[in-house]
Structure formats: C-alpha cells, structure tokens
C-alpha cells in the first residue's frame, strides 16, 4: 500500500510506503508519482516515508532507481527518507539506487525532522 501527497505551495511530495508492495504494483505507484511530480516547479523535493514498508524484491529496488532517475529529469532537487532503523539491510539497496540515479539522500527517523530539513534545503 502507498499514498502520495502533493504539497504544491511548498513544492514537494510525500510518498508513504506501507507493507509489502509487489513488483507488478510498483508501476502504478511510479506512474502516479511522476504525474504528481510533473505538477511541481523545478527544484522540487520528495520525502519517502519508509517506516512501515517491508523489505522489497530486488526488482523493485531497480524500478525505484529508475523512478528516481525520472524524477531527477523532471527537476527534483532533494530526496529525504524517513526510516524506522538505520540498518544496512534497509539502507544498502537504496544507497546503491541513489548513486545510480545521481542524487544524495538524507535519512531521518521522524517525518517532522525530514520536512524541516527538506524545507530548509528547498528554500536555500
């Protein structure tokens, strides 16, 4: 399950991932996120709340990397992820995806801290 919230005035999206998202369902998520990202101004940010997301298939990590490359092409400036723990099991696949997509990600344990950081980054 997922949800995507658009914060147009602040120029960012919040992608919330929960439970297990099968590889074949990820394409719908990707399409929806890209449609919403296209409504934002260049230089937008994305917060990915992964606190309740279960470990995913390797194929989904690859698709996640492709999705992030596409958001960079649309003008994404910054990515912030909210995670439950900083374990390498959680972070490692996404750190590789970050490098492949060409961006740096900050990690936080609280959504409020992630939003504060992102707003400061987007406004600087």
PDB file of N, CA and C in Angstrom:
ATOM      1  N   UNK A   1       0.844  -1.176   0.000  1.00  0.00           N
ATOM      2  CA  UNK A   1       0.000   0.000   0.000  1.00  0.00           C
ATOM      3  C   UNK A   1       0.891   1.241   0.000  1.00  0.00           C
ATOM      4  N   UNK A   2       0.407   2.288  -0.659  1.00  0.00           N
ATOM      5  CA  UNK A   2       1.151   3.534  -0.701  1.00  0.00           C
ATOM      6  C   UNK A   2       0.192   4.709  -0.795  1.00  0.00           C
ATOM      7  N   UNK A   3       0.717   5.884  -0.487  1.00  0.00           N
ATOM      8  CA  UNK A   3      -0.025   7.121  -0.723  1.00  0.00           C
ATOM      9  C   UNK A   3       0.978   8.180  -1.163  1.00  0.00           C
ATOM     10  N   UNK A   4       0.484   9.118  -1.967  1.00  0.00           N
ATOM     11  CA  UNK A   4       1.324  10.220  -2.438  1.00  0.00           C
ATOM     12  C   UNK A   4       0.582  11.514  -2.157  1.00  0.00           C
ATOM     13  N   UNK A   5       1.197  12.362  -1.365  1.00  0.00           N
ATOM     14  CA  UNK A   5       0.606  13.654  -1.011  1.00  0.00           C
ATOM     15  C   UNK A   5       1.416  14.753  -1.686  1.00  0.00           C
ATOM     16  N   UNK A   6       0.726  15.656  -2.351  1.00  0.00           N
ATOM     17  CA  UNK A   6       1.388  16.777  -3.019  1.00  0.00           C
ATOM     18  C   UNK A   6       1.282  18.015  -2.141  1.00  0.00           C
ATOM     19  N   UNK A   7       2.416  18.626  -1.874  1.00  0.00           N
ATOM     20  CA  UNK A   7       2.479  19.893  -1.137  1.00  0.00           C
ATOM     21  C   UNK A   7       2.901  20.965  -2.141  1.00  0.00           C
ATOM     22  N   UNK A   8       1.936  21.415  -2.955  1.00  0.00           N
ATOM     23  CA  UNK A   8       2.233  22.320  -4.074  1.00  0.00           C
ATOM     24  C   UNK A   8       2.855  23.636  -3.621  1.00  0.00           C
ATOM     25  N   UNK A   9       2.307  24.237  -2.577  1.00  0.00           N
ATOM     26  CA  UNK A   9       2.834  25.526  -2.123  1.00  0.00           C
ATOM     27  C   UNK A   9       4.280  25.429  -1.651  1.00  0.00           C
ATOM     28  N   UNK A  10       4.610  24.309  -1.018  1.00  0.00           N
ATOM     29  CA  UNK A  10       5.969  24.117  -0.526  1.00  0.00           C
ATOM     30  C   UNK A  10       6.863  23.430  -1.556  1.00  0.00           C
ATOM     31  N   UNK A  11       6.278  22.938  -2.654  1.00  0.00           N
ATOM     32  CA  UNK A  11       6.988  22.343  -3.778  1.00  0.00           C
ATOM     33  C   UNK A  11       7.653  21.003  -3.449  1.00  0.00           C
ATOM     34  N   UNK A  12       6.880  20.113  -2.808  1.00  0.00           N
ATOM     35  CA  UNK A  12       7.396  18.763  -2.576  1.00  0.00           C
ATOM     36  C   UNK A  12       6.277  17.744  -2.484  1.00  0.00           C
ATOM     37  N   UNK A  13       6.680  16.480  -2.569  1.00  0.00           N
ATOM     38  CA  UNK A  13       5.773  15.334  -2.446  1.00  0.00           C
ATOM     39  C   UNK A  13       6.150  14.531  -1.221  1.00  0.00           C
ATOM     40  N   UNK A  14       5.159  13.865  -0.644  1.00  0.00           N
ATOM     41  CA  UNK A  14       5.417  12.867   0.391  1.00  0.00           C
ATOM     42  C   UNK A  14       4.893  11.533  -0.129  1.00  0.00           C
ATOM     43  N   UNK A  15       5.803  10.592  -0.315  1.00  0.00           N
ATOM     44  CA  UNK A  15       5.469   9.233  -0.721  1.00  0.00           C
ATOM     45  C   UNK A  15       5.536   8.367   0.524  1.00  0.00           C
ATOM     46  N   UNK A  16       4.419   7.779   0.909  1.00  0.00           N
ATOM     47  CA  UNK A  16       4.368   6.908   2.081  1.00  0.00           C
ATOM     48  C   UNK A  16       4.183   5.474   1.603  1.00  0.00           C
ATOM     49  N   UNK A  17       5.108   4.615   2.021  1.00  0.00           N
ATOM     50  CA  UNK A  17       5.078   3.200   1.647  1.00  0.00           C
ATOM     51  C   UNK A  17       4.763   2.378   2.886  1.00  0.00           C
ATOM     52  N   UNK A  18       3.816   1.445   2.754  1.00  0.00           N
ATOM     53  CA  UNK A  18       3.438   0.596   3.892  1.00  0.00           C
ATOM     54  C   UNK A  18       3.306  -0.843   3.433  1.00  0.00           C
ATOM     55  N   UNK A  19       3.741  -1.754   4.292  1.00  0.00           N
ATOM     56  CA  UNK A  19       3.597  -3.172   3.993  1.00  0.00           C
ATOM     57  C   UNK A  19       4.457  -3.606   2.832  1.00  0.00           C
ATOM     58  N   UNK A  20       3.983  -4.605   2.145  1.00  0.00           N
ATOM     59  CA  UNK A  20       4.703  -5.173   1.008  1.00  0.00           C
ATOM     60  C   UNK A  20       4.071  -4.667  -0.279  1.00  0.00           C
ATOM     61  N   UNK A  21       4.875  -4.144  -1.169  1.00  0.00           N
ATOM     62  CA  UNK A  21       4.387  -3.696  -2.468  1.00  0.00           C
ATOM     63  C   UNK A  21       4.970  -4.632  -3.517  1.00  0.00           C
ATOM     64  N   UNK A  22       4.135  -5.459  -4.137  1.00  0.00           N
ATOM     65  CA  UNK A  22       4.632  -6.382  -5.151  1.00  0.00           C
ATOM     66  C   UNK A  22       5.245  -5.623  -6.333  1.00  0.00           C
ATOM     67  N   UNK A  23       6.201  -6.260  -6.958  1.00  0.00           N
ATOM     68  CA  UNK A  23       6.898  -5.649  -8.088  1.00  0.00           C
ATOM     69  C   UNK A  23       5.924  -5.160  -9.155  1.00  0.00           C
ATOM     70  N   UNK A  24       4.920  -5.945  -9.488  1.00  0.00           N
ATOM     71  CA  UNK A  24       3.985  -5.552 -10.551  1.00  0.00           C
ATOM     72  C   UNK A  24       3.103  -4.372 -10.153  1.00  0.00           C
ATOM     73  N   UNK A  25       2.940  -4.099  -8.871  1.00  0.00           N
ATOM     74  CA  UNK A  25       2.153  -2.953  -8.413  1.00  0.00           C
ATOM     75  C   UNK A  25       2.980  -1.668  -8.383  1.00  0.00           C
ATOM     76  N   UNK A  26       4.287  -1.824  -8.436  1.00  0.00           N
ATOM     77  CA  UNK A  26       5.150  -0.657  -8.336  1.00  0.00           C
ATOM     78  C   UNK A  26       5.006   0.269  -9.541  1.00  0.00           C
ATOM     79  N   UNK A  27       4.622  -0.278 -10.690  1.00  0.00           N
ATOM     80  CA  UNK A  27       4.486   0.543 -11.899  1.00  0.00           C
ATOM     81  C   UNK A  27       3.365   1.565 -11.758  1.00  0.00           C
ATOM     82  N   UNK A  28       2.272   1.189 -11.105  1.00  0.00           N
ATOM     83  CA  UNK A  28       1.178   2.135 -10.855  1.00  0.00           C
ATOM     84  C   UNK A  28       1.661   3.256  -9.936  1.00  0.00           C
ATOM     85  N   UNK A  29       2.380   2.896  -8.887  1.00  0.00           N
ATOM     86  CA  UNK A  29       2.943   3.887  -7.968  1.00  0.00           C
ATOM     87  C   UNK A  29       3.844   4.843  -8.737  1.00  0.00           C
ATOM     88  N   UNK A  30       4.706   4.298  -9.569  1.00  0.00           N
ATOM     89  CA  UNK A  30       5.645   5.094 -10.345  1.00  0.00           C
ATOM     90  C   UNK A  30       4.921   6.088 -11.251  1.00  0.00           C
ATOM     91  N   UNK A  31       3.918   5.610 -11.978  1.00  0.00           N
ATOM     92  CA  UNK A  31       3.159   6.487 -12.876  1.00  0.00           C
ATOM     93  C   UNK A  31       2.488   7.622 -12.110  1.00  0.00           C
ATOM     94  N   UNK A  32       1.882   7.275 -10.978  1.00  0.00           N
ATOM     95  CA  UNK A  32       1.184   8.288 -10.182  1.00  0.00           C
ATOM     96  C   UNK A  32       2.160   9.322  -9.620  1.00  0.00           C
ATOM     97  N   UNK A  33       3.298   8.862  -9.125  1.00  0.00           N
ATOM     98  CA  UNK A  33       4.280   9.793  -8.569  1.00  0.00           C
ATOM     99  C   UNK A  33       4.812  10.729  -9.654  1.00  0.00           C
ATOM    100  N   UNK A  34       5.099  10.206 -10.829  1.00  0.00           N
ATOM    101  CA  UNK A  34       5.610  11.045 -11.914  1.00  0.00           C
ATOM    102  C   UNK A  34       4.564  12.064 -12.368  1.00  0.00           C
ATOM    103  N   UNK A  35       3.302  11.675 -12.407  1.00  0.00           N
ATOM    104  CA  UNK A  35       2.236  12.625 -12.775  1.00  0.00           C
ATOM    105  C   UNK A  35       2.162  13.764 -11.767  1.00  0.00           C
ATOM    106  N   UNK A  36       2.240  13.418 -10.487  1.00  0.00           N
ATOM    107  CA  UNK A  36       2.157  14.456  -9.449  1.00  0.00           C
ATOM    108  C   UNK A  36       3.422  15.307  -9.423  1.00  0.00           C
ATOM    109  N   UNK A  37       4.571  14.697  -9.636  1.00  0.00           N
ATOM    110  CA  UNK A  37       5.828  15.448  -9.665  1.00  0.00           C
ATOM    111  C   UNK A  37       5.835  16.460 -10.811  1.00  0.00           C
ATOM    112  N   UNK A  38       5.230  16.100 -11.926  1.00  0.00           N
ATOM    113  CA  UNK A  38       5.186  16.982 -13.085  1.00  0.00           C
ATOM    114  C   UNK A  38       4.378  18.250 -12.828  1.00  0.00           C
ATOM    115  N   UNK A  39       3.549  18.253 -11.779  1.00  0.00           N
ATOM    116  CA  UNK A  39       2.759  19.442 -11.451  1.00  0.00           C
ATOM    117  C   UNK A  39       3.543  20.431 -10.591  1.00  0.00           C
ATOM    118  N   UNK A  40       4.710  20.016 -10.102  1.00  0.00           N
ATOM    119  CA  UNK A  40       5.512  20.874  -9.229  1.00  0.00           C
ATOM    120  C   UNK A  40       6.517  21.692 -10.042  1.00  0.00           C
ATOM    121  N   UNK A  41       7.057  22.732  -9.404  1.00  0.00           N
ATOM    122  CA  UNK A  41       8.066  23.568 -10.051  1.00  0.00           C
ATOM    123  C   UNK A  41       9.422  22.860 -10.029  1.00  0.00           C
ATOM    124  N   UNK A  42      10.278  23.116 -11.026  1.00  0.00           N
ATOM    125  CA  UNK A  42      11.635  22.550 -10.984  1.00  0.00           C
ATOM    126  C   UNK A  42      12.320  22.943  -9.677  1.00  0.00           C
ATOM    127  N   UNK A  43      13.084  22.005  -9.133  1.00  0.00           N
ATOM    128  CA  UNK A  43      13.718  22.217  -7.836  1.00  0.00           C
ATOM    129  C   UNK A  43      12.908  21.630  -6.695  1.00  0.00           C
ATOM    130  N   UNK A  44      11.901  20.811  -7.035  1.00  0.00           N
ATOM    131  CA  UNK A  44      11.043  20.230  -6.004  1.00  0.00           C
ATOM    132  C   UNK A  44      11.777  19.148  -5.208  1.00  0.00           C
ATOM    133  N   UNK A  45      11.176  18.766  -4.091  1.00  0.00           N
ATOM    134  CA  UNK A  45      11.726  17.722  -3.233  1.00  0.00           C
ATOM    135  C   UNK A  45      10.759  16.560  -3.073  1.00  0.00           C
ATOM    136  N   UNK A  46      11.307  15.446  -2.591  1.00  0.00           N
ATOM    137  CA  UNK A  46      10.499  14.257  -2.326  1.00  0.00           C
ATOM    138  C   UNK A  46      10.885  13.711  -0.953  1.00  0.00           C
ATOM    139  N   UNK A  47       9.884  13.479  -0.127  1.00  0.00           N
ATOM    140  CA  UNK A  47      10.080  12.765   1.131  1.00  0.00           C
ATOM    141  C   UNK A  47       9.488  11.373   0.934  1.00  0.00           C
ATOM    142  N   UNK A  48      10.284  10.354   1.218  1.00  0.00           N
ATOM    143  CA  UNK A  48       9.791   8.980   1.150  1.00  0.00           C
ATOM    144  C   UNK A  48       9.731   8.441   2.576  1.00  0.00           C
ATOM    145  N   UNK A  49       8.532   8.209   3.063  1.00  0.00           N
ATOM    146  CA  UNK A  49       8.330   7.664   4.404  1.00  0.00           C
ATOM    147  C   UNK A  49       8.294   6.142   4.287  1.00  0.00           C
ATOM    148  N   UNK A  50       9.374   5.501   4.719  1.00  0.00           N
ATOM    149  CA  UNK A  50       9.549   4.056   4.579  1.00  0.00           C
ATOM    150  C   UNK A  50       9.449   3.324   5.914  1.00  0.00           C
ATOM    151  N   UNK A  51       8.960   4.000   6.942  1.00  0.00           N
ATOM    152  CA  UNK A  51       8.967   3.401   8.283  1.00  0.00           C
ATOM    153  C   UNK A  51       8.160   2.120   8.376  1.00  0.00           C
ATOM    154  N   UNK A  52       7.093   1.994   7.594  1.00  0.00           N
ATOM    155  CA  UNK A  52       6.240   0.809   7.681  1.00  0.00           C
ATOM    156  C   UNK A  52       6.318  -0.061   6.430  1.00  0.00           C
ATOM    157  N   UNK A  53       7.316   0.185   5.612  1.00  0.00           N
ATOM    158  CA  UNK A  53       7.480  -0.590   4.394  1.00  0.00           C
ATOM    159  C   UNK A  53       8.294  -1.830   4.692  1.00  0.00           C
ATOM    160  N   UNK A  54       7.840  -2.952   4.198  1.00  0.00           N
ATOM    161  CA  UNK A  54       8.568  -4.205   4.370  1.00  0.00           C
ATOM    162  C   UNK A  54       9.655  -4.306   3.315  1.00  0.00           C
ATOM    163  N   UNK A  55      10.635  -5.106   3.603  1.00  0.00           N
ATOM    164  CA  UNK A  55      11.718  -5.324   2.649  1.00  0.00           C
ATOM    165  C   UNK A  55      11.122  -5.715   1.298  1.00  0.00           C
ATOM    166  N   UNK A  56      11.711  -5.191   0.222  1.00  0.00           N
ATOM    167  CA  UNK A  56      11.136  -5.425  -1.105  1.00  0.00           C
ATOM    168  C   UNK A  56      12.013  -6.335  -1.955  1.00  0.00           C
ATOM    169  N   UNK A  57      11.453  -6.733  -3.075  1.00  0.00           N
ATOM    170  CA  UNK A  57      12.167  -7.563  -4.036  1.00  0.00           C
ATOM    171  C   UNK A  57      13.299  -6.761  -4.678  1.00  0.00           C
ATOM    172  N   UNK A  58      14.382  -7.424  -5.078  1.00  0.00           N
ATOM    173  CA  UNK A  58      15.473  -6.719  -5.777  1.00  0.00           C
ATOM    174  C   UNK A  58      14.986  -6.009  -7.045  1.00  0.00           C
ATOM    175  N   UNK A  59      14.024  -6.593  -7.737  1.00  0.00           N
ATOM    176  CA  UNK A  59      13.484  -5.967  -8.952  1.00  0.00           C
ATOM    177  C   UNK A  59      12.820  -4.634  -8.633  1.00  0.00           C
ATOM    178  N   UNK A  60      12.190  -4.554  -7.474  1.00  0.00           N
ATOM    179  CA  UNK A  60      11.525  -3.319  -7.080  1.00  0.00           C
ATOM    180  C   UNK A  60      12.546  -2.232  -6.775  1.00  0.00           C
ATOM    181  N   UNK A  61      13.676  -2.605  -6.183  1.00  0.00           N
ATOM    182  CA  UNK A  61      14.739  -1.627  -5.923  1.00  0.00           C
ATOM    183  C   UNK A  61      15.245  -1.057  -7.250  1.00  0.00           C
ATOM    184  N   UNK A  62      15.394  -1.906  -8.256  1.00  0.00           N
ATOM    185  CA  UNK A  62      15.830  -1.446  -9.578  1.00  0.00           C
ATOM    186  C   UNK A  62      14.800  -0.461 -10.139  1.00  0.00           C
ATOM    187  N   UNK A  63      13.527  -0.803 -10.054  1.00  0.00           N
ATOM    188  CA  UNK A  63      12.476   0.088 -10.555  1.00  0.00           C
ATOM    189  C   UNK A  63      12.433   1.390  -9.762  1.00  0.00           C
ATOM    190  N   UNK A  64      12.708   1.308  -8.466  1.00  0.00           N
ATOM    191  CA  UNK A  64      12.757   2.505  -7.625  1.00  0.00           C
ATOM    192  C   UNK A  64      13.861   3.431  -8.128  1.00  0.00           C
ATOM    193  N   UNK A  65      14.995   2.864  -8.496  1.00  0.00           N
ATOM    194  CA  UNK A  65      16.105   3.646  -9.045  1.00  0.00           C
ATOM    195  C   UNK A  65      15.706   4.316 -10.353  1.00  0.00           C
ATOM    196  N   UNK A  66      15.017   3.584 -11.218  1.00  0.00           N
ATOM    197  CA  UNK A  66      14.532   4.146 -12.490  1.00  0.00           C
ATOM    198  C   UNK A  66      13.565   5.295 -12.215  1.00  0.00           C
ATOM    199  N   UNK A  67      12.669   5.104 -11.270  1.00  0.00           N
ATOM    200  CA  UNK A  67      11.716   6.146 -10.896  1.00  0.00           C
ATOM    201  C   UNK A  67      12.445   7.398 -10.422  1.00  0.00           C
ATOM    202  N   UNK A  68      13.451   7.230  -9.585  1.00  0.00           N
ATOM    203  CA  UNK A  68      14.179   8.383  -9.070  1.00  0.00           C
ATOM    204  C   UNK A  68      14.953   9.099 -10.174  1.00  0.00           C
ATOM    205  N   UNK A  69      15.500   8.352 -11.136  1.00  0.00           N
ATOM    206  CA  UNK A  69      16.165   8.987 -12.283  1.00  0.00           C
ATOM    207  C   UNK A  69      15.171   9.860 -13.042  1.00  0.00           C
ATOM    208  N   UNK A  70      13.956   9.362 -13.205  1.00  0.00           N
ATOM    209  CA  UNK A  70      12.935  10.123 -13.921  1.00  0.00           C
ATOM    210  C   UNK A  70      12.531  11.368 -13.155  1.00  0.00           C
ATOM    211  N   UNK A  71      12.483  11.293 -11.827  1.00  0.00           N
ATOM    212  CA  UNK A  71      12.137  12.485 -11.046  1.00  0.00           C
ATOM    213  C   UNK A  71      13.258  13.512 -11.113  1.00  0.00           C
ATOM    214  N   UNK A  72      14.503  13.043 -11.175  1.00  0.00           N
ATOM    215  CA  UNK A  72      15.632  13.968 -11.346  1.00  0.00           C
ATOM    216  C   UNK A  72      15.465  14.700 -12.681  1.00  0.00           C
ATOM    217  N   UNK A  73      15.098  13.974 -13.725  1.00  0.00           N
ATOM    218  CA  UNK A  73      14.886  14.575 -15.044  1.00  0.00           C
ATOM    219  C   UNK A  73      13.742  15.598 -15.029  1.00  0.00           C
ATOM    220  N   UNK A  74      12.759  15.389 -14.158  1.00  0.00           N
ATOM    221  CA  UNK A  74      11.646  16.344 -14.035  1.00  0.00           C
ATOM    222  C   UNK A  74      12.024  17.576 -13.221  1.00  0.00           C
ATOM    223  N   UNK A  75      13.197  17.546 -12.562  1.00  0.00           N
ATOM    224  CA  UNK A  75      13.637  18.713 -11.805  1.00  0.00           C
ATOM    225  C   UNK A  75      13.731  18.522 -10.307  1.00  0.00           C
ATOM    226  N   UNK A  76      13.730  17.277  -9.831  1.00  0.00           N
ATOM    227  CA  UNK A  76      13.853  17.031  -8.404  1.00  0.00           C
ATOM    228  C   UNK A  76      15.206  17.525  -7.899  1.00  0.00           C
ATOM    229  N   UNK A  77      15.183  18.255  -6.791  1.00  0.00           N
ATOM    230  CA  UNK A  77      16.405  18.800  -6.199  1.00  0.00           C
ATOM    231  C   UNK A  77      16.885  17.977  -5.013  1.00  0.00           C
ATOM    232  N   UNK A  78      15.962  17.476  -4.217  1.00  0.00           N
ATOM    233  CA  UNK A  78      16.350  16.846  -2.964  1.00  0.00           C
ATOM    234  C   UNK A  78      15.431  15.681  -2.612  1.00  0.00           C
ATOM    235  N   UNK A  79      16.031  14.637  -2.002  1.00  0.00           N
ATOM    236  CA  UNK A  79      15.289  13.473  -1.530  1.00  0.00           C
ATOM    237  C   UNK A  79      15.616  13.264  -0.061  1.00  0.00           C
ATOM    238  N   UNK A  80      14.586  13.062   0.724  1.00  0.00           N
ATOM    239  CA  UNK A  80      14.737  12.780   2.152  1.00  0.00           C
ATOM    240  C   UNK A  80      13.922  11.533   2.442  1.00  0.00           C
ATOM    241  N   UNK A  81      14.506  10.608   3.178  1.00  0.00           N
ATOM    242  CA  UNK A  81      13.785   9.381   3.522  1.00  0.00           C
ATOM    243  C   UNK A  81      13.601   9.296   5.029  1.00  0.00           C
ATOM    244  N   UNK A  82      12.423   8.823   5.412  1.00  0.00           N
ATOM    245  CA  UNK A  82      12.107   8.603   6.818  1.00  0.00           C
ATOM    246  C   UNK A  82      12.108   7.094   7.011  1.00  0.00           C
ATOM    247  N   UNK A  83      12.950   6.626   7.921  1.00  0.00           N
ATOM    248  CA  UNK A  83      13.131   5.197   8.130  1.00  0.00           C
ATOM    249  C   UNK A  83      12.931   4.843   9.591  1.00  0.00           C
ATOM    250  N   UNK A  84      12.656   3.574   9.834  1.00  0.00           N
ATOM    251  CA  UNK A  84      12.448   3.104  11.202  1.00  0.00           C
ATOM    252  C   UNK A  84      13.777   2.796  11.881  1.00  0.00           C
ATOM    253  N   UNK A  85      14.741   2.276  11.108  1.00  0.00           N
ATOM    254  CA  UNK A  85      16.053   1.980  11.675  1.00  0.00           C
ATOM    255  C   UNK A  85      17.104   2.236  10.605  1.00  0.00           C
ATOM    256  N   UNK A  86      18.302   2.442  11.036  1.00  0.00           N
ATOM    257  CA  UNK A  86      19.399   2.728  10.112  1.00  0.00           C
ATOM    258  C   UNK A  86      20.195   1.470   9.793  1.00  0.00           C
ATOM    259  N   UNK A  87      19.522   0.335   9.760  1.00  0.00           N
ATOM    260  CA  UNK A  87      20.225  -0.911   9.485  1.00  0.00           C
ATOM    261  C   UNK A  87      20.669  -0.965   8.030  1.00  0.00           C
ATOM    262  N   UNK A  88      21.793  -1.586   7.791  1.00  0.00           N
ATOM    263  CA  UNK A  88      22.301  -1.717   6.431  1.00  0.00           C
ATOM    264  C   UNK A  88      21.372  -2.557   5.558  1.00  0.00           C
ATOM    265  N   UNK A  89      20.621  -3.455   6.165  1.00  0.00           N
ATOM    266  CA  UNK A  89      19.665  -4.261   5.407  1.00  0.00           C
ATOM    267  C   UNK A  89      18.627  -3.365   4.725  1.00  0.00           C
ATOM    268  N   UNK A  90      18.227  -2.298   5.427  1.00  0.00           N
ATOM    269  CA  UNK A  90      17.253  -1.359   4.884  1.00  0.00           C
ATOM    270  C   UNK A  90      17.922  -0.368   3.931  1.00  0.00           C
ATOM    271  N   UNK A  91      19.067   0.172   4.333  1.00  0.00           N
ATOM    272  CA  UNK A  91      19.684   1.265   3.591  1.00  0.00           C
ATOM    273  C   UNK A  91      20.454   0.844   2.352  1.00  0.00           C
ATOM    274  N   UNK A  92      21.153  -0.266   2.410  1.00  0.00           N
ATOM    275  CA  UNK A  92      22.086  -0.643   1.336  1.00  0.00           C
ATOM    276  C   UNK A  92      21.466  -0.655  -0.060  1.00  0.00           C
ATOM    277  N   UNK A  93      20.319  -1.311  -0.267  1.00  0.00           N
ATOM    278  CA  UNK A  93      19.773  -1.321  -1.632  1.00  0.00           C
ATOM    279  C   UNK A  93      19.446   0.079  -2.156  1.00  0.00           C
ATOM    280  N   UNK A  94      19.006   0.956  -1.275  1.00  0.00           N
ATOM    281  CA  UNK A  94      18.613   2.289  -1.709  1.00  0.00           C
ATOM    282  C   UNK A  94      19.805   3.217  -1.873  1.00  0.00           C
ATOM    283  N   UNK A  95      20.864   2.994  -1.115  1.00  0.00           N
ATOM    284  CA  UNK A  95      22.068   3.784  -1.318  1.00  0.00           C
ATOM    285  C   UNK A  95      22.631   3.527  -2.707  1.00  0.00           C
ATOM    286  N   UNK A  96      22.609   2.279  -3.142  1.00  0.00           N
ATOM    287  CA  UNK A  96      23.055   1.936  -4.489  1.00  0.00           C
ATOM    288  C   UNK A  96      22.143   2.592  -5.531  1.00  0.00           C
ATOM    289  N   UNK A  97      20.842   2.556  -5.294  1.00  0.00           N
ATOM    290  CA  UNK A  97      19.888   3.187  -6.214  1.00  0.00           C
ATOM    291  C   UNK A  97      20.122   4.691  -6.287  1.00  0.00           C
ATOM    292  N   UNK A  98      20.447   5.310  -5.161  1.00  0.00           N
ATOM    293  CA  UNK A  98      20.728   6.749  -5.138  1.00  0.00           C
ATOM    294  C   UNK A  98      21.898   7.079  -6.052  1.00  0.00           C
ATOM    295  N   UNK A  99      22.962   6.314  -5.937  1.00  0.00           N
ATOM    296  CA  UNK A  99      24.159   6.548  -6.741  1.00  0.00           C
ATOM    297  C   UNK A  99      23.835   6.379  -8.224  1.00  0.00           C
ATOM    298  N   UNK A 100      23.092   5.326  -8.544  1.00  0.00           N
ATOM    299  CA  UNK A 100      22.728   5.077  -9.943  1.00  0.00           C
ATOM    300  C   UNK A 100      21.863   6.197 -10.507  1.00  0.00           C
ATOM    301  N   UNK A 101      21.014   6.771  -9.681  1.00  0.00           N
ATOM    302  CA  UNK A 101      20.128   7.842 -10.144  1.00  0.00           C
ATOM    303  C   UNK A 101      20.807   9.204 -10.095  1.00  0.00           C
ATOM    304  N   UNK A 102      21.933   9.303  -9.395  1.00  0.00           N
ATOM    305  CA  UNK A 102      22.700  10.540  -9.374  1.00  0.00           C
ATOM    306  C   UNK A 102      22.257  11.565  -8.355  1.00  0.00           C
ATOM    307  N   UNK A 103      21.870  11.136  -7.176  1.00  0.00           N
ATOM    308  CA  UNK A 103      21.494  12.086  -6.137  1.00  0.00           C
ATOM    309  C   UNK A 103      21.891  11.569  -4.760  1.00  0.00           C
ATOM    310  N   UNK A 104      21.932  12.487  -3.802  1.00  0.00           N
ATOM    311  CA  UNK A 104      22.269  12.182  -2.415  1.00  0.00           C
ATOM    312  C   UNK A 104      20.992  12.232  -1.591  1.00  0.00           C
ATOM    313  N   UNK A 105      20.876  11.326  -0.640  1.00  0.00           N
ATOM    314  CA  UNK A 105      19.680  11.264   0.214  1.00  0.00           C
ATOM    315  C   UNK A 105      20.063  11.420   1.679  1.00  0.00           C
ATOM    316  N   UNK A 106      19.268  12.196   2.393  1.00  0.00           N
ATOM    317  CA  UNK A 106      19.393  12.282   3.857  1.00  0.00           C
ATOM    318  C   UNK A 106      18.333  11.386   4.465  1.00  0.00           C
ATOM    319  N   UNK A 107      18.671  10.798   5.623  1.00  0.00           N
ATOM    320  CA  UNK A 107      17.751   9.892   6.324  1.00  0.00           C
ATOM    321  C   UNK A 107      17.404  10.463   7.688  1.00  0.00           C
ATOM    322  N   UNK A 108      16.130  10.308   8.066  1.00  0.00           N
ATOM    323  CA  UNK A 108      15.633  10.755   9.362  1.00  0.00           C
ATOM    324  C   UNK A 108      14.731   9.684   9.943  1.00  0.00           C
ATOM    325  N   UNK A 109      14.541   9.728  11.255  1.00  0.00           N
ATOM    326  CA  UNK A 109      13.661   8.783  11.929  1.00  0.00           C
ATOM    327  C   UNK A 109      12.267   9.369  12.161  1.00  0.00           C
ATOM    328  N   UNK A 110      12.125  10.702  12.027  1.00  0.00           N
ATOM    329  CA  UNK A 110      10.834  11.360  12.249  1.00  0.00           C
ATOM    330  C   UNK A 110      10.451  12.179  11.020  1.00  0.00           C
ATOM    331  N   UNK A 111       9.186  12.087  10.637  1.00  0.00           N
ATOM    332  CA  UNK A 111       8.694  12.831   9.488  1.00  0.00           C
ATOM    333  C   UNK A 111       8.859  14.336   9.687  1.00  0.00           C
ATOM    334  N   UNK A 112       8.619  14.820  10.887  1.00  0.00           N
ATOM    335  CA  UNK A 112       8.725  16.251  11.162  1.00  0.00           C
ATOM    336  C   UNK A 112      10.142  16.749  10.906  1.00  0.00           C
ATOM    337  N   UNK A 113      11.138  15.965  11.304  1.00  0.00           N
ATOM    338  CA  UNK A 113      12.533  16.353  11.078  1.00  0.00           C
ATOM    339  C   UNK A 113      12.862  16.349   9.587  1.00  0.00           C
ATOM    340  N   UNK A 114      12.325  15.374   8.868  1.00  0.00           N
ATOM    341  CA  UNK A 114      12.551  15.291   7.425  1.00  0.00           C
ATOM    342  C   UNK A 114      11.942  16.499   6.716  1.00  0.00           C
ATOM    343  N   UNK A 115      10.718  16.869   7.093  1.00  0.00           N
ATOM    344  CA  UNK A 115      10.058  18.017   6.470  1.00  0.00           C
ATOM    345  C   UNK A 115      10.815  19.310   6.759  1.00  0.00           C
ATOM    346  N   UNK A 116      11.257  19.467   7.979  1.00  0.00           N
ATOM    347  CA  UNK A 116      12.012  20.680   8.348  1.00  0.00           C
ATOM    348  C   UNK A 116      13.297  20.770   7.532  1.00  0.00           C
ATOM    349  N   UNK A 117      14.019  19.680   7.445  1.00  0.00           N
ATOM    350  CA  UNK A 117      15.261  19.666   6.672  1.00  0.00           C
ATOM    351  C   UNK A 117      14.982  19.966   5.197  1.00  0.00           C
ATOM    352  N   UNK A 118      13.968  19.298   4.625  1.00  0.00           N
ATOM    353  CA  UNK A 118      13.665  19.483   3.208  1.00  0.00           C
ATOM    354  C   UNK A 118      13.280  20.930   2.916  1.00  0.00           C
ATOM    355  N   UNK A 119      12.435  21.510   3.736  1.00  0.00           N
ATOM    356  CA  UNK A 119      12.036  22.909   3.505  1.00  0.00           C
ATOM    357  C   UNK A 119      13.224  23.833   3.572  1.00  0.00           C
ATOM    358  N   UNK A 120      14.135  23.596   4.511  1.00  0.00           N
ATOM    359  CA  UNK A 120      15.351  24.425   4.582  1.00  0.00           C
ATOM    360  C   UNK A 120      16.198  24.252   3.327  1.00  0.00           C
ATOM    361  N   UNK A 121      16.284  23.028   2.838  1.00  0.00           N
ATOM    362  CA  UNK A 121      17.073  22.743   1.635  1.00  0.00           C
ATOM    363  C   UNK A 121      16.448  23.402   0.403  1.00  0.00           C
ATOM    364  N   UNK A 122      15.139  23.278   0.261  1.00  0.00           N
ATOM    365  CA  UNK A 122      14.466  23.836  -0.913  1.00  0.00           C
ATOM    366  C   UNK A 122      14.476  25.357  -0.910  1.00  0.00           C
ATOM    367  N   UNK A 123      14.512  25.951   0.259  1.00  0.00           N
ATOM    368  CA  UNK A 123      14.484  27.412   0.370  1.00  0.00           C
ATOM    369  C   UNK A 123      15.865  28.051   0.413  1.00  0.00           C
ATOM    370  N   UNK A 124      16.917  27.235   0.289  1.00  0.00           N
ATOM    371  CA  UNK A 124      18.268  27.811   0.355  1.00  0.00           C
ATOM    372  C   UNK A 124      18.832  28.055  -1.025  1.00  0.00           C
TER     373      UNK A 124
END
